[in-house]
PDB file of N, CA and C in Angstrom:
ATOM      1  N   MET A   1     -65.233 -32.568 -59.067  1.00  0.00           N
ATOM      2  CA  MET A   1     -64.467 -31.184 -58.427  1.00  0.00           C
ATOM      3  C   MET A   1     -63.275 -30.906 -58.643  1.00  0.00           C
ATOM      4  N   THR A   2     -63.018 -29.839 -58.947  1.00  0.00           N
ATOM      5  CA  THR A   2     -61.831 -28.921 -59.281  1.00  0.00           C
ATOM      6  C   THR A   2     -60.948 -28.585 -59.253  1.00  0.00           C
ATOM      7  N   GLN A   3     -59.439 -29.207 -59.204  1.00  0.00           N
ATOM      8  CA  GLN A   3     -58.429 -29.137 -58.966  1.00  0.00           C
ATOM      9  C   GLN A   3     -57.439 -27.708 -59.378  1.00  0.00           C
ATOM     10  N   THR A   4     -56.735 -27.311 -59.311  1.00  0.00           N
ATOM     11  CA  THR A   4     -55.804 -25.838 -60.264  1.00  0.00           C
ATOM     12  C   THR A   4     -54.439 -27.184 -59.797  1.00  0.00           C
ATOM     13  N   THR A   5     -54.007 -26.555 -60.936  1.00  0.00           N
ATOM     14  CA  THR A   5     -52.162 -27.070 -60.926  1.00  0.00           C
ATOM     15  C   THR A   5     -51.448 -25.677 -61.389  1.00  0.00           C
ATOM     16  N   GLN A   6     -50.159 -25.445 -60.699  1.00  0.00           N
ATOM     17  CA  GLN A   6     -49.485 -24.256 -61.429  1.00  0.00           C
ATOM     18  C   GLN A   6     -48.435 -25.103 -62.407  1.00  0.00           C
ATOM     19  N   TYR A   7     -47.608 -24.006 -62.768  1.00  0.00           N
ATOM     20  CA  TYR A   7     -46.638 -24.401 -63.222  1.00  0.00           C
ATOM     21  C   TYR A   7     -45.255 -23.251 -63.620  1.00  0.00           C
ATOM     22  N   ARG A   8     -43.932 -23.098 -63.598  1.00  0.00           N
ATOM     23  CA  ARG A   8     -43.433 -22.278 -64.348  1.00  0.00           C
ATOM     24  C   ARG A   8     -42.660 -21.884 -65.500  1.00  0.00           C
ATOM     25  N   VAL A   9     -42.932 -21.037 -66.441  1.00  0.00           N
ATOM     26  CA  VAL A   9     -42.583 -21.552 -68.107  1.00  0.00           C
ATOM     27  C   VAL A   9     -40.828 -20.412 -67.914  1.00  0.00           C
ATOM     28  N   LEU A  10     -39.703 -20.598 -68.134  1.00  0.00           N
ATOM     29  CA  LEU A  10     -38.810 -19.322 -67.563  1.00  0.00           C
ATOM     30  C   LEU A  10     -38.836 -18.780 -68.834  1.00  0.00           C
ATOM     31  N   ASP A  11     -38.936 -20.034 -69.861  1.00  0.00           N
ATOM     32  CA  ASP A  11     -38.628 -18.967 -71.846  1.00  0.00           C
ATOM     33  C   ASP A  11     -39.783 -19.324 -72.438  1.00  0.00           C
ATOM     34  N   PHE A  12     -40.585 -18.568 -71.893  1.00  0.00           N
ATOM     35  CA  PHE A  12     -41.372 -17.221 -73.286  1.00  0.00           C
ATOM     36  C   PHE A  12     -40.794 -16.317 -73.371  1.00  0.00           C
ATOM     37  N   ASP A  13     -40.553 -16.328 -75.164  1.00  0.00           N
ATOM     38  CA  ASP A  13     -40.270 -15.057 -75.587  1.00  0.00           C
ATOM     39  C   ASP A  13     -41.337 -14.167 -75.944  1.00  0.00           C
ATOM     40  N   CYS A  14     -42.371 -14.554 -76.438  1.00  0.00           N
ATOM     41  CA  CYS A  14     -43.035 -12.970 -76.426  1.00  0.00           C
ATOM     42  C   CYS A  14     -44.818 -13.475 -76.013  1.00  0.00           C
ATOM     43  N   PRO A  15     -45.740 -12.556 -75.472  1.00  0.00           N
ATOM     44  CA  PRO A  15     -47.156 -12.118 -75.444  1.00  0.00           C
ATOM     45  C   PRO A  15     -47.623 -13.614 -76.957  1.00  0.00           C
ATOM     46  N   THR A  16     -47.176 -14.347 -77.981  1.00  0.00           N
ATOM     47  CA  THR A  16     -48.095 -15.155 -78.929  1.00  0.00           C
ATOM     48  C   THR A  16     -48.012 -16.578 -78.288  1.00  0.00           C
ATOM     49  N   CYS A  17     -46.139 -16.849 -77.358  1.00  0.00           N
ATOM     50  CA  CYS A  17     -46.072 -18.307 -77.476  1.00  0.00           C
ATOM     51  C   CYS A  17     -47.112 -18.748 -76.179  1.00  0.00           C
ATOM     52  N   ALA A  18     -47.097 -17.813 -75.360  1.00  0.00           N
ATOM     53  CA  ALA A  18     -48.158 -17.650 -73.831  1.00  0.00           C
ATOM     54  C   ALA A  18     -49.272 -17.804 -74.547  1.00  0.00           C
ATOM     55  N   SER A  19     -49.861 -17.842 -75.561  1.00  0.00           N
ATOM     56  CA  SER A  19     -51.164 -17.531 -76.015  1.00  0.00           C
ATOM     57  C   SER A  19     -51.489 -18.895 -76.454  1.00  0.00           C
ATOM     58  N   ASN A  20     -50.299 -19.644 -77.011  1.00  0.00           N
ATOM     59  CA  ASN A  20     -49.931 -21.025 -77.919  1.00  0.00           C
ATOM     60  C   ASN A  20     -50.815 -21.986 -76.457  1.00  0.00           C
ATOM     61  N   VAL A  21     -49.577 -21.788 -75.402  1.00  0.00           N
ATOM     62  CA  VAL A  21     -49.615 -22.935 -74.240  1.00  0.00           C
ATOM     63  C   VAL A  21     -50.762 -22.804 -74.008  1.00  0.00           C
ATOM     64  N   GLU A  22     -51.737 -21.799 -73.730  1.00  0.00           N
ATOM     65  CA  GLU A  22     -52.794 -21.210 -73.355  1.00  0.00           C
ATOM     66  C   GLU A  22     -53.885 -22.070 -74.342  1.00  0.00           C
ATOM     67  N   LYS A  23     -53.457 -21.857 -75.477  1.00  0.00           N
ATOM     68  CA  LYS A  23     -54.813 -22.665 -76.696  1.00  0.00           C
ATOM     69  C   LYS A  23     -54.508 -24.603 -76.089  1.00  0.00           C
ATOM     70  N   ALA A  24     -53.553 -24.926 -76.244  1.00  0.00           N
ATOM     71  CA  ALA A  24     -52.791 -26.003 -76.677  1.00  0.00           C
ATOM     72  C   ALA A  24     -53.202 -26.614 -75.118  1.00  0.00           C
ATOM     73  N   LEU A  25     -53.519 -26.333 -73.466  1.00  0.00           N
ATOM     74  CA  LEU A  25     -54.091 -26.637 -72.698  1.00  0.00           C
ATOM     75  C   LEU A  25     -55.792 -26.557 -72.227  1.00  0.00           C
ATOM     76  N   GLU A  26     -56.513 -24.725 -73.300  1.00  0.00           N
ATOM     77  CA  GLU A  26     -58.027 -25.202 -73.327  1.00  0.00           C
ATOM     78  C   GLU A  26     -58.605 -26.649 -73.646  1.00  0.00           C
ATOM     79  N   GLY A  27     -57.445 -26.954 -74.589  1.00  0.00           N
ATOM     80  CA  GLY A  27     -58.282 -28.204 -75.700  1.00  0.00           C
ATOM     81  C   GLY A  27     -57.225 -29.327 -74.918  1.00  0.00           C
ATOM     82  N   THR A  28     -56.969 -29.539 -73.992  1.00  0.00           N
ATOM     83  CA  THR A  28     -56.733 -30.419 -73.407  1.00  0.00           C
ATOM     84  C   THR A  28     -57.994 -31.338 -72.211  1.00  0.00           C
ATOM     85  N   GLU A  29     -57.830 -32.457 -72.848  1.00  0.00           N
ATOM     86  CA  GLU A  29     -59.446 -33.294 -72.105  1.00  0.00           C
ATOM     87  C   GLU A  29     -59.361 -32.634 -70.431  1.00  0.00           C
ATOM     88  N   GLY A  30     -60.585 -32.022 -69.379  1.00  0.00           N
ATOM     89  CA  GLY A  30     -59.873 -32.176 -68.815  1.00  0.00           C
ATOM     90  C   GLY A  30     -59.877 -30.531 -67.854  1.00  0.00           C
ATOM     91  N   VAL A  31     -59.546 -30.033 -68.514  1.00  0.00           N
ATOM     92  CA  VAL A  31     -59.265 -28.835 -68.475  1.00  0.00           C
ATOM     93  C   VAL A  31     -60.139 -27.992 -68.565  1.00  0.00           C
ATOM     94  N   GLU A  32     -60.685 -27.330 -67.285  1.00  0.00           N
ATOM     95  CA  GLU A  32     -61.825 -26.622 -67.222  1.00  0.00           C
ATOM     96  C   GLU A  32     -62.079 -24.792 -67.814  1.00  0.00           C
ATOM     97  N   ASP A  33     -60.141 -24.236 -67.221  1.00  0.00           N
ATOM     98  CA  ASP A  33     -60.505 -23.086 -67.629  1.00  0.00           C
ATOM     99  C   ASP A  33     -58.690 -23.117 -67.009  1.00  0.00           C
ATOM    100  N   VAL A  34     -57.446 -21.596 -67.706  1.00  0.00           N
ATOM    101  CA  VAL A  34     -56.852 -21.706 -68.233  1.00  0.00           C
ATOM    102  C   VAL A  34     -56.230 -20.266 -67.737  1.00  0.00           C
ATOM    103  N   GLU A  35     -55.317 -20.089 -66.861  1.00  0.00           N
ATOM    104  CA  GLU A  35     -54.540 -18.558 -66.315  1.00  0.00           C
ATOM    105  C   GLU A  35     -52.903 -18.692 -67.318  1.00  0.00           C
ATOM    106  N   VAL A  36     -52.264 -17.999 -68.032  1.00  0.00           N
ATOM    107  CA  VAL A  36     -51.114 -17.408 -67.756  1.00  0.00           C
ATOM    108  C   VAL A  36     -50.616 -16.238 -68.295  1.00  0.00           C
ATOM    109  N   HIS A  37     -49.790 -16.395 -67.379  1.00  0.00           N
ATOM    110  CA  HIS A  37     -49.522 -14.811 -67.306  1.00  0.00           C
ATOM    111  C   HIS A  37     -47.628 -14.638 -67.951  1.00  0.00           C
ATOM    112  N   PHE A  38     -47.834 -13.928 -69.195  1.00  0.00           N
ATOM    113  CA  PHE A  38     -46.717 -13.784 -69.472  1.00  0.00           C
ATOM    114  C   PHE A  38     -46.115 -13.200 -68.817  1.00  0.00           C
ATOM    115  N   THR A  39     -45.529 -12.288 -68.149  1.00  0.00           N
ATOM    116  CA  THR A  39     -44.768 -11.527 -67.815  1.00  0.00           C
ATOM    117  C   THR A  39     -44.035 -12.208 -66.803  1.00  0.00           C
ATOM    118  N   THR A  40     -44.688 -13.106 -65.886  1.00  0.00           N
ATOM    119  CA  THR A  40     -43.873 -13.846 -64.676  1.00  0.00           C
ATOM    120  C   THR A  40     -43.850 -15.192 -65.037  1.00  0.00           C
ATOM    121  N   GLY A  41     -44.456 -15.993 -66.009  1.00  0.00           N
ATOM    122  CA  GLY A  41     -44.205 -17.317 -67.098  1.00  0.00           C
ATOM    123  C   GLY A  41     -45.343 -18.053 -66.148  1.00  0.00           C
ATOM    124  N   ARG A  42     -46.069 -17.484 -65.044  1.00  0.00           N
ATOM    125  CA  ARG A  42     -46.673 -18.176 -64.460  1.00  0.00           C
ATOM    126  C   ARG A  42     -47.662 -19.278 -65.084  1.00  0.00           C
ATOM    127  N   ILE A  43     -48.499 -20.616 -64.791  1.00  0.00           N
ATOM    128  CA  ILE A  43     -49.629 -20.619 -65.413  1.00  0.00           C
ATOM    129  C   ILE A  43     -50.591 -22.302 -64.590  1.00  0.00           C
ATOM    130  N   GLU A  44     -51.692 -21.460 -64.209  1.00  0.00           N
ATOM    131  CA  GLU A  44     -52.509 -22.002 -63.574  1.00  0.00           C
ATOM    132  C   GLU A  44     -53.602 -22.933 -64.119  1.00  0.00           C
ATOM    133  N   VAL A  45     -53.464 -23.846 -64.065  1.00  0.00           N
ATOM    134  CA  VAL A  45     -54.805 -24.692 -64.855  1.00  0.00           C
ATOM    135  C   VAL A  45     -55.812 -25.644 -64.091  1.00  0.00           C
ATOM    136  N   HIS A  46     -56.988 -24.973 -64.439  1.00  0.00           N
ATOM    137  CA  HIS A  46     -57.993 -25.432 -63.838  1.00  0.00           C
ATOM    138  C   HIS A  46     -58.668 -26.246 -63.917  1.00  0.00           C
ATOM    139  N   HIS A  47     -58.620 -27.741 -63.665  1.00  0.00           N
ATOM    140  CA  HIS A  47     -59.031 -28.934 -64.416  1.00  0.00           C
ATOM    141  C   HIS A  47     -59.837 -29.825 -63.229  1.00  0.00           C
ATOM    142  N   GLU A  48     -60.436 -30.816 -63.821  1.00  0.00           N
ATOM    143  CA  GLU A  48     -61.091 -32.042 -63.706  1.00  0.00           C
ATOM    144  C   GLU A  48     -59.857 -32.931 -62.361  1.00  0.00           C
ATOM    145  N   GLU A  49     -60.764 -33.160 -61.040  1.00  0.00           N
ATOM    146  CA  GLU A  49     -59.657 -33.915 -60.182  1.00  0.00           C
ATOM    147  C   GLU A  49     -58.166 -35.425 -61.034  1.00  0.00           C
ATOM    148  N   ASP A  50     -59.230 -36.266 -61.577  1.00  0.00           N
ATOM    149  CA  ASP A  50     -58.959 -37.269 -62.312  1.00  0.00           C
ATOM    150  C   ASP A  50     -58.656 -37.046 -64.077  1.00  0.00           C
ATOM    151  N   THR A  51     -57.544 -36.018 -63.941  1.00  0.00           N
ATOM    152  CA  THR A  51     -57.189 -35.601 -64.611  1.00  0.00           C
ATOM    153  C   THR A  51     -55.384 -35.713 -64.711  1.00  0.00           C
ATOM    154  N   GLU A  52     -54.978 -35.951 -65.159  1.00  0.00           N
ATOM    155  CA  GLU A  52     -53.842 -36.713 -65.465  1.00  0.00           C
ATOM    156  C   GLU A  52     -52.551 -35.960 -65.434  1.00  0.00           C
ATOM    157  N   THR A  53     -51.402 -34.888 -64.003  1.00  0.00           N
ATOM    158  CA  THR A  53     -50.952 -34.092 -64.622  1.00  0.00           C
ATOM    159  C   THR A  53     -50.027 -34.134 -65.405  1.00  0.00           C
ATOM    160  N   ASP A  54     -48.921 -35.534 -65.950  1.00  0.00           N
ATOM    161  CA  ASP A  54     -48.251 -35.216 -66.557  1.00  0.00           C
ATOM    162  C   ASP A  54     -49.243 -35.374 -68.298  1.00  0.00           C
ATOM    163  N   THR A  55     -50.299 -35.053 -68.525  1.00  0.00           N
ATOM    164  CA  THR A  55     -51.392 -34.799 -69.882  1.00  0.00           C
ATOM    165  C   THR A  55     -51.034 -33.210 -69.917  1.00  0.00           C
ATOM    166  N   LEU A  56     -51.278 -32.789 -68.653  1.00  0.00           N
ATOM    167  CA  LEU A  56     -51.083 -31.270 -69.001  1.00  0.00           C
ATOM    168  C   LEU A  56     -49.404 -30.565 -68.595  1.00  0.00           C
ATOM    169  N   LYS A  57     -48.423 -31.168 -68.462  1.00  0.00           N
ATOM    170  CA  LYS A  57     -47.095 -30.575 -68.221  1.00  0.00           C
ATOM    171  C   LYS A  57     -46.701 -31.128 -69.932  1.00  0.00           C
ATOM    172  N   THR A  58     -47.677 -32.492 -70.612  1.00  0.00           N
ATOM    173  CA  THR A  58     -46.875 -32.907 -72.234  1.00  0.00           C
ATOM    174  C   THR A  58     -47.440 -31.592 -73.005  1.00  0.00           C
ATOM    175  N   ALA A  59     -48.622 -31.244 -72.583  1.00  0.00           N
ATOM    176  CA  ALA A  59     -49.513 -29.994 -73.541  1.00  0.00           C
ATOM    177  C   ALA A  59     -48.268 -28.626 -73.807  1.00  0.00           C
ATOM    178  N   ILE A  60     -47.759 -28.360 -72.375  1.00  0.00           N
ATOM    179  CA  ILE A  60     -47.334 -26.968 -72.881  1.00  0.00           C
ATOM    180  C   ILE A  60     -45.438 -27.668 -73.282  1.00  0.00           C
ATOM    181  N   GLN A  61     -45.500 -28.853 -72.901  1.00  0.00           N
ATOM    182  CA  GLN A  61     -43.766 -29.033 -73.593  1.00  0.00           C
ATOM    183  C   GLN A  61     -43.480 -29.859 -75.191  1.00  0.00           C
ATOM    184  N   ASN A  62     -44.929 -30.009 -75.570  1.00  0.00           N
ATOM    185  CA  ASN A  62     -45.249 -30.066 -76.939  1.00  0.00           C
ATOM    186  C   ASN A  62     -45.679 -28.654 -77.943  1.00  0.00           C
ATOM    187  N   GLN A  63     -45.581 -27.344 -76.963  1.00  0.00           N
ATOM    188  CA  GLN A  63     -45.654 -25.547 -77.500  1.00  0.00           C
ATOM    189  C   GLN A  63     -44.253 -25.540 -77.582  1.00  0.00           C
ATOM    190  N   GLY A  64     -43.185 -26.507 -77.010  1.00  0.00           N
ATOM    191  CA  GLY A  64     -41.930 -26.290 -76.529  1.00  0.00           C
ATOM    192  C   GLY A  64     -41.695 -25.263 -75.446  1.00  0.00           C
ATOM    193  N   TYR A  65     -41.545 -25.706 -74.931  1.00  0.00           N
ATOM    194  CA  TYR A  65     -41.543 -24.996 -73.192  1.00  0.00           C
ATOM    195  C   TYR A  65     -41.153 -26.382 -72.107  1.00  0.00           C
ATOM    196  N   THR A  66     -40.400 -25.775 -71.560  1.00  0.00           N
ATOM    197  CA  THR A  66     -39.977 -26.755 -69.991  1.00  0.00           C
ATOM    198  C   THR A  66     -40.979 -25.893 -69.103  1.00  0.00           C
ATOM    199  N   PRO A  67     -42.067 -26.957 -68.250  1.00  0.00           N
ATOM    200  CA  PRO A  67     -42.835 -26.403 -67.572  1.00  0.00           C
ATOM    201  C   PRO A  67     -42.121 -27.235 -66.047  1.00  0.00           C
ATOM    202  N   GLU A  68     -41.880 -25.854 -65.756  1.00  0.00           N
ATOM    203  CA  GLU A  68     -41.678 -26.164 -63.830  1.00  0.00           C
ATOM    204  C   GLU A  68     -42.631 -26.465 -62.850  1.00  0.00           C
ATOM    205  N   ALA A  69     -43.034 -27.999 -62.187  1.00  0.00           N
ATOM    206  CA  ALA A  69     -44.386 -27.578 -61.132  1.00  0.00           C
ATOM    207  C   ALA A  69     -44.046 -26.433 -60.217  1.00  0.00           C
ATOM    208  N   VAL A  70     -45.216 -25.915 -59.707  1.00  0.00           N
ATOM    209  CA  VAL A  70     -44.941 -25.262 -58.583  1.00  0.00           C
ATOM    210  C   VAL A  70     -46.125 -25.548 -57.921  1.00  0.00           C
ATOM    211  N   ARG A  71     -45.354 -25.388 -56.345  1.00  0.00           N
ATOM    212  CA  ARG A  71     -45.789 -26.006 -55.334  1.00  0.00           C
ATOM    213  C   ARG A  71     -46.793 -25.284 -54.007  1.00  0.00           C
ATOM    214  N   GLY A  72     -48.164 -25.414 -53.650  1.00  0.00           N
ATOM    215  CA  GLY A  72     -48.068 -24.745 -52.933  1.00  0.00           C
ATOM    216  C   GLY A  72     -48.104 -23.420 -52.126  1.00  0.00           C
TER     217      GLY A  72
END
């Protein structure tokens, strides 16, 4: 079953930054789809239910950004 986790990143500097985060998340095990909205700093990650959200957060942090979880 697919689950969606949303984050907000306030420190995107350019569209390339958003693209790098998108690629990092797409390469994360269990991730099925990623939508990154550069202008709003919003990220939606569609992933398998057993994917740890800490793993997703770490993938974003490894690109140099600070993600904040968005609650439903």
